[in-house]
Protein backbone atom coordinates (compact mmCIF):
# COMPACT_ATOMS: atom_id res chain seq x y z
CA MET A 1 66.75 11.74 33.36
CA LYS A 2 66.13 14.48 30.78
CA GLN A 3 68.02 17.74 31.16
CA ASN A 4 65.70 20.13 29.33
CA LYS A 5 67.15 23.44 30.47
CA LEU A 6 69.21 25.37 27.92
CA PHE A 7 71.45 28.15 29.18
CA PHE A 8 74.39 30.40 28.36
CA ASN A 9 77.71 29.03 29.56
CA ALA A 10 80.04 30.66 32.07
CA GLU A 11 81.62 32.70 29.25
CA GLY A 12 78.20 34.02 28.24
CA ARG A 13 78.09 32.04 24.98
CA PHE A 14 75.55 29.63 23.53
CA THR A 15 76.43 27.64 20.41
CA ILE A 16 74.07 25.75 18.10
CA LEU A 17 75.00 23.13 15.51
CA GLN A 18 72.43 22.97 12.71
CA VAL A 19 72.18 19.61 10.93
CA ALA A 20 70.26 20.03 7.67
CA ASP A 21 69.06 17.34 5.28
CA LEU A 22 70.66 14.29 6.79
CA HIS A 23 68.35 12.08 4.66
CA ALA A 24 69.10 8.93 6.65
CA PHE A 25 68.18 5.51 5.25
CA GLU A 26 67.43 2.33 7.21
CA ALA A 27 70.99 1.08 6.86
CA SER A 28 73.48 3.06 8.90
CA GLU A 29 75.82 5.25 6.87
CA PRO A 30 79.35 5.26 8.32
CA GLU A 31 80.34 8.44 6.46
CA ASP A 32 77.42 10.39 7.93
CA GLU A 33 78.03 9.00 11.41
CA ARG A 34 81.71 9.98 11.27
CA ALA A 35 80.81 13.46 10.06
CA LEU A 36 78.22 13.96 12.79
CA ARG A 37 80.58 12.87 15.52
CA ARG A 38 83.41 14.98 14.13
CA ALA A 39 81.14 18.03 13.91
CA VAL A 40 79.97 17.67 17.51
CA GLU A 41 83.50 17.13 18.82
CA THR A 42 84.83 20.10 16.83
CA VAL A 43 82.07 22.61 17.54
CA ARG A 44 81.20 21.44 21.07
CA PRO A 45 77.71 22.93 20.78
CA ASP A 46 75.24 23.63 23.54
CA LEU A 47 72.40 22.44 21.28
CA ILE A 48 72.05 20.42 18.07
CA VAL A 49 69.07 21.20 15.83
CA LEU A 50 68.00 18.78 13.08
CA THR A 51 66.14 20.92 10.54
CA GLY A 52 64.18 18.37 8.58
CA ASP A 53 64.54 15.65 5.98
CA ASN A 54 66.21 13.85 8.82
CA ILE A 55 65.17 10.60 7.18
CA SER A 56 64.33 9.80 3.55
CA GLY A 57 60.82 8.48 4.04
CA TYR A 58 60.39 7.72 0.33
CA ALA A 59 63.17 5.12 0.58
CA ILE A 60 61.93 3.43 3.77
CA PRO A 61 58.72 1.42 3.14
CA THR A 62 58.31 -0.01 6.66
CA LYS A 63 57.84 1.41 10.13
CA ALA A 64 60.66 -0.75 11.43
CA GLY A 65 62.99 0.62 8.78
CA ALA A 66 62.15 4.24 9.54
CA ARG A 67 62.51 3.57 13.25
CA GLN A 68 65.96 2.10 12.60
CA ALA A 69 66.99 5.09 10.46
CA ILE A 70 66.23 7.47 13.33
CA LYS A 71 67.84 5.14 15.85
CA ASN A 72 71.12 5.13 13.91
CA TYR A 73 71.79 8.85 14.33
CA MET A 74 69.92 9.45 17.58
CA ASP A 75 71.90 6.72 19.37
CA LEU A 76 75.05 8.48 18.21
CA LEU A 77 73.85 11.95 19.25
CA ASP A 78 72.59 10.66 22.58
CA SER A 79 76.07 9.31 23.30
CA CYS A 80 77.53 12.80 22.70
CA GLY A 81 75.75 14.23 25.74
CA VAL A 82 74.45 17.34 23.93
CA PRO A 83 70.78 18.43 23.90
CA VAL A 84 69.04 17.76 20.57
CA ALA A 85 65.98 19.39 18.97
CA ALA A 86 64.35 18.49 15.65
CA VAL A 87 61.76 19.69 13.16
CA PHE A 88 60.24 17.85 10.21
CA GLY A 89 60.98 18.34 6.52
CA ASN A 90 59.03 17.38 3.43
CA HIS A 91 60.56 13.89 3.26
CA ASP A 92 60.40 12.70 6.89
CA ASP A 93 56.93 11.21 6.41
CA ASP A 94 57.09 10.97 2.61
CA LYS A 95 55.60 7.59 1.58
CA THR A 96 56.67 5.91 4.82
CA PRO A 97 54.00 4.46 7.15
CA TYR A 98 55.93 5.77 10.17
CA THR A 99 53.93 8.88 11.06
CA LYS A 100 55.24 12.14 12.42
CA PHE A 101 53.58 11.39 15.75
CA GLU A 102 55.39 8.04 15.94
CA GLN A 103 58.67 9.67 14.95
CA LEU A 104 58.23 12.33 17.64
CA ALA A 105 57.53 9.66 20.24
CA GLN A 106 60.79 7.98 19.28
CA TYR A 107 62.72 11.25 19.53
CA GLU A 108 61.18 11.93 22.92
CA SER A 109 62.35 8.55 24.19
CA TYR A 110 65.94 9.86 24.16
CA GLY A 111 67.29 11.66 27.18
CA CYS A 112 69.11 14.18 24.97
CA PHE A 113 65.96 15.30 23.16
CA VAL A 114 64.60 18.65 24.32
CA GLY A 115 61.80 19.03 21.76
CA CYS A 116 58.21 17.89 22.07
CA GLU A 117 55.02 17.37 20.08
CA GLY A 118 53.92 20.84 21.10
CA PHE A 119 51.28 22.48 18.92
CA THR A 120 49.70 20.48 16.09
CA ALA A 121 47.74 21.79 13.10
CA GLU A 122 45.87 19.39 10.82
CA ARG A 123 43.92 19.76 7.58
CA SER A 124 42.01 17.30 5.38
CA ILE A 125 41.42 18.44 1.79
CA GLY A 126 40.70 16.38 -1.33
CA GLY A 127 41.60 13.10 0.32
CA ARG A 128 44.94 14.39 1.67
CA HIS A 129 45.40 14.62 5.43
CA THR A 130 48.16 17.03 6.36
CA VAL A 131 49.77 17.15 9.80
CA HIS A 132 52.08 19.92 10.99
CA THR A 133 53.34 18.90 14.40
CA GLY A 134 56.39 19.35 16.58
CA ASN A 135 55.89 23.11 16.84
CA TYR A 136 57.47 24.27 20.09
CA HIS A 137 59.85 26.82 21.51
CA LEU A 138 62.96 26.45 23.62
CA PRO A 139 63.80 29.20 26.13
CA VAL A 140 67.48 29.85 26.76
CA TYR A 141 68.30 31.02 30.30
CA ALA A 142 70.92 33.53 31.38
CA GLY A 143 72.88 30.80 33.17
CA ALA A 144 72.72 27.34 34.70
CA ASP A 145 71.28 28.65 37.97
CA SER A 146 69.17 31.43 36.48
CA ASP A 147 65.41 31.45 35.97
CA ARG A 148 65.60 34.44 33.62
CA VAL A 149 64.86 33.73 29.95
CA VAL A 150 67.09 35.92 27.79
CA PHE A 151 66.70 34.22 24.40
CA ASN A 152 64.25 31.93 22.64
CA LEU A 153 64.35 29.35 19.84
CA TRP A 154 61.25 28.66 17.72
CA CYS A 155 60.89 25.27 16.01
CA PHE A 156 58.29 24.86 13.25
CA ASP A 157 57.01 22.09 11.01
CA SER A 158 56.89 23.81 7.61
CA GLY A 159 55.10 20.87 6.04
CA SER A 160 55.63 18.84 2.90
CA ASP A 161 53.35 19.66 0.00
CA HIS A 162 50.36 21.99 -0.04
CA ALA A 163 47.44 20.70 2.03
CA ASP A 164 45.24 20.72 -1.10
CA PRO A 165 46.49 18.11 -3.60
CA ALA A 166 45.10 20.27 -6.42
CA VAL A 167 47.61 23.04 -5.59
CA ASP A 168 51.19 22.68 -6.80
CA SER A 169 53.32 23.99 -3.96
CA TYR A 170 55.67 23.01 -1.19
CA GLY A 171 54.30 23.35 2.32
CA TYR A 172 54.50 26.34 4.62
CA VAL A 173 53.74 27.23 8.21
CA PHE A 174 49.95 27.38 8.58
CA PRO A 175 48.19 30.46 9.98
CA GLU A 176 47.07 28.27 12.91
CA GLN A 177 50.71 27.70 13.78
CA VAL A 178 51.35 31.43 13.43
CA ALA A 179 48.50 32.20 15.85
CA TRP A 180 50.12 29.82 18.35
CA TYR A 181 53.47 31.56 17.85
CA VAL A 182 51.99 35.03 18.39
CA LYS A 183 50.31 33.91 21.61
CA GLN A 184 53.52 32.36 22.96
CA SER A 185 55.61 35.32 21.81
CA ASN A 186 53.33 37.69 23.68
CA LYS A 187 53.60 35.58 26.84
CA LEU A 188 57.39 35.74 26.65
CA LYS A 189 57.22 39.48 26.02
CA GLU A 190 54.96 40.03 29.03
CA ALA A 191 57.25 37.99 31.29
CA ASN A 192 60.18 40.07 29.98
CA GLY A 193 58.74 43.38 31.14
CA GLY A 194 57.01 44.17 27.86
CA VAL A 195 60.17 43.75 25.76
CA PRO A 196 60.22 41.10 22.99
CA VAL A 197 62.57 38.22 23.78
CA PRO A 198 65.16 37.98 20.97
CA SER A 199 64.71 34.76 19.04
CA LEU A 200 65.82 32.53 16.19
CA VAL A 201 63.59 30.29 14.06
CA PHE A 202 64.37 26.79 12.79
CA GLN A 203 62.34 25.06 10.08
CA HIS A 204 62.92 23.10 6.88
CA ILE A 205 61.38 25.10 4.02
CA ALA A 206 62.15 28.78 3.51
CA PRO A 207 59.31 31.30 3.70
CA PRO A 208 58.37 32.68 0.25
CA HIS A 209 59.93 36.03 1.16
CA ILE A 210 63.29 34.50 0.21
CA VAL A 211 62.62 35.37 -3.43
CA ARG A 212 61.98 39.02 -2.52
CA ALA A 213 65.23 39.06 -0.54
CA LEU A 214 67.33 38.03 -3.54
CA ARG A 215 68.35 40.41 -6.32
CA GLU A 216 66.44 40.06 -9.60
CA VAL A 217 68.79 40.35 -12.58
CA PRO A 218 68.60 40.03 -16.38
CA LYS A 219 68.76 36.61 -17.98
CA GLY A 220 72.36 35.67 -18.69
CA THR A 221 73.79 37.40 -15.62
CA PRO A 222 76.77 35.32 -14.44
CA GLY A 223 75.89 33.15 -11.45
CA ALA A 224 72.16 33.82 -11.67
CA VAL A 225 69.62 31.10 -10.88
CA ALA A 226 66.19 30.83 -12.47
CA PHE A 227 62.95 30.92 -10.47
CA ALA A 228 59.46 31.08 -12.02
CA GLY A 229 60.76 32.65 -15.23
CA SER A 230 62.93 35.29 -13.54
CA PHE A 231 66.61 35.29 -12.60
CA TYR A 232 68.26 36.02 -9.27
CA THR A 233 71.62 36.45 -7.58
CA LEU A 234 72.61 37.13 -4.00
CA PRO A 235 71.80 40.74 -3.08
CA ASP A 236 74.40 43.49 -3.01
CA GLY A 237 76.50 43.45 0.13
CA VAL A 238 76.37 39.68 0.63
CA ASP A 239 79.86 38.21 0.38
CA PRO A 240 79.97 35.65 -2.47
CA GLU A 241 83.06 34.07 -0.93
CA THR A 242 81.18 32.87 2.16
CA ASN A 243 77.67 32.62 0.68
CA ARG A 244 76.58 30.36 -2.16
CA LEU A 245 73.51 30.43 -4.40
CA ARG A 246 73.94 27.34 -6.55
CA GLU A 247 70.29 26.53 -7.26
CA ALA A 248 66.96 28.29 -7.20
CA PRO A 249 65.42 28.32 -3.71
CA CYS A 250 62.39 26.04 -3.32
CA PRO A 251 59.93 27.94 -1.10
CA PRO A 252 56.17 27.44 -1.23
CA ASN A 253 54.39 28.87 -4.26
CA THR A 254 54.99 32.62 -4.04
CA ASP A 255 51.48 33.35 -5.37
CA LEU A 256 49.82 31.90 -2.24
CA PRO A 257 49.05 34.60 0.36
CA GLU A 258 48.93 32.10 3.26
CA GLY A 259 52.62 31.37 2.88
CA TYR A 260 53.52 34.94 3.81
CA VAL A 261 51.61 34.98 7.10
CA GLN A 262 54.41 33.51 9.22
CA LEU A 263 57.24 35.93 8.52
CA ASP A 264 54.90 38.92 8.28
CA ALA A 265 53.70 38.13 11.82
CA MET A 266 57.27 37.79 13.04
CA LEU A 267 58.16 41.18 11.61
CA ARG A 268 55.24 42.67 13.55
CA GLN A 269 56.20 40.86 16.77
CA GLY A 270 59.76 42.15 16.56
CA ASP A 271 61.41 39.20 18.30
CA VAL A 272 62.92 37.12 15.49
CA ARG A 273 66.47 37.90 14.38
CA ALA A 274 66.86 35.15 11.77
CA VAL A 275 65.10 32.18 10.18
CA PHE A 276 67.31 29.12 9.60
CA PHE A 277 66.29 26.47 7.08
CA GLY A 278 67.68 23.79 4.78
CA HIS A 279 65.80 22.07 1.94
CA ASP A 280 68.00 23.52 -0.85
CA HIS A 281 70.98 21.28 -0.37
CA ILE A 282 73.64 23.16 -2.33
CA ASN A 283 72.74 26.67 -1.20
CA SER A 284 74.38 28.31 1.80
CA PHE A 285 73.75 31.98 2.48
CA VAL A 286 72.63 34.70 4.86
CA VAL A 287 70.47 37.39 3.22
CA PRO A 288 68.59 40.18 5.01
CA TYR A 289 64.88 40.84 4.66
CA GLU A 290 63.41 43.86 6.45
CA GLY A 291 65.62 43.36 9.49
CA VAL A 292 65.35 39.57 9.67
CA ASP A 293 68.03 37.34 8.16
CA LEU A 294 66.99 34.42 5.98
CA VAL A 295 69.64 31.74 6.39
CA CYS A 296 69.97 28.69 4.17
CA SER A 297 72.22 25.88 5.38
CA PRO A 298 73.87 23.17 3.28
CA GLY A 299 72.83 19.55 3.28
CA CYS A 300 75.06 17.12 5.14
CA GLY A 301 73.91 13.58 4.34
CA VAL A 302 75.41 11.32 1.67
CA HIS A 303 71.93 10.33 0.47
CA ALA A 304 70.97 13.94 -0.28
CA TYR A 305 72.05 15.53 -3.54
CA HIS A 306 74.98 17.76 -2.67
CA ASP A 307 78.25 19.18 -3.88
CA GLU A 308 81.74 19.16 -2.46
CA GLN A 309 80.76 21.76 0.13
CA LYS A 310 78.27 19.69 2.12
CA GLY A 311 78.52 20.34 5.84
CA PHE A 312 76.97 21.95 8.90
CA ARG A 313 76.07 25.42 10.15
CA VAL A 314 77.32 26.84 13.44
CA ILE A 315 75.43 29.64 15.20
CA THR A 316 76.83 31.41 18.25
CA LEU A 317 75.05 33.79 20.59
CA ASP A 318 76.75 36.17 23.02
CA LYS A 319 74.81 37.24 26.07
CA ARG A 320 76.48 40.67 25.98
CA ASP A 321 74.63 41.57 22.76
CA LEU A 322 71.63 39.41 21.97
CA ARG A 323 70.63 41.60 19.05
CA ARG A 324 73.37 39.90 17.05
CA TYR A 325 74.56 36.38 16.33
CA GLU A 326 77.56 34.86 14.59
CA THR A 327 77.28 32.10 12.02
CA HIS A 328 79.44 30.16 9.62
CA THR A 329 79.38 26.81 7.87
CA ILE A 330 81.91 24.06 8.35
CA ARG A 331 82.54 21.68 5.49
CA THR A 332 82.51 17.97 6.18
CA ASP A 333 85.84 17.49 4.42
CA ALA A 334 87.42 20.16 6.64
CA LEU A 335 86.51 18.47 9.90
CA PRO A 336 89.33 16.81 11.87
CA GLU A 337 89.29 13.09 12.44
CA PRO A 338 87.35 11.99 15.55
CA ARG A 339 89.21 11.46 18.78
CA LYS A 340 90.22 7.89 19.48
CA SER A 341 88.46 6.34 22.47
């Protein structure tokens, strides 16, 4: 039987383990499986969130192979007894015949999975049919026996490429998805006495605002990365010892107004505290943007390009002050060995 209710524990804490860019293949990968199990045993999270590129669709030409890739890690996670949510990245349905709808149905067959198909937006342009599905939200209750929602988690499909094949851009959250979010956000606000319910967002691709949040610097500045002919570093005040900008972020094309709709709406709604994403495997940072943190998490899978600091992100909420959250990354090579059964 599914246990879909998420709630703060007896100590008033709720911990999330973000798993970014697993990039699973059909064949099981012992190193990834060990790392996943070690991370769950070490962090002991209340929820695991897979934030896209969970499988490498481009390397899995059959439905059976893609099904097996998901089965490898979902069987493991299901055995851990921790609720699991997931969103899609740009490679989950990349060149594989195993559609997002079929992948979602497989996820939903697991008792640990708390996500759902939710809201779906579709577009057909220039012979390309684009599906953004698996958009849902997860309320977090004050306690196991409480019916009071005190926090909320938004899960979005940020797409793959632009819906129009003539436009060179990564995907982004469509305005239709944003309209769904605003409607649901207002319902939560109304049920909360007119006060926005504090929330976090999980998706794969960063909103284009990430470039505005970084600090533009002259060419040749030590540690700067290049993006669209300009150069950027982490902004002032962001600790370079615990945050890393190793490559240029890869958001949707920053010249496309539609890409800005999502975060702009969230700023108006006033509920979102941070947006968590992956996609840029060797970046790991928390940067502020107009009161909302933009949080990039490192890749964790051996089939994703990565550096020596691949790992996982841990997010902890405290019911005593839901305006804030704590987060840090944990490197795979720093995880203890799994317990012997």
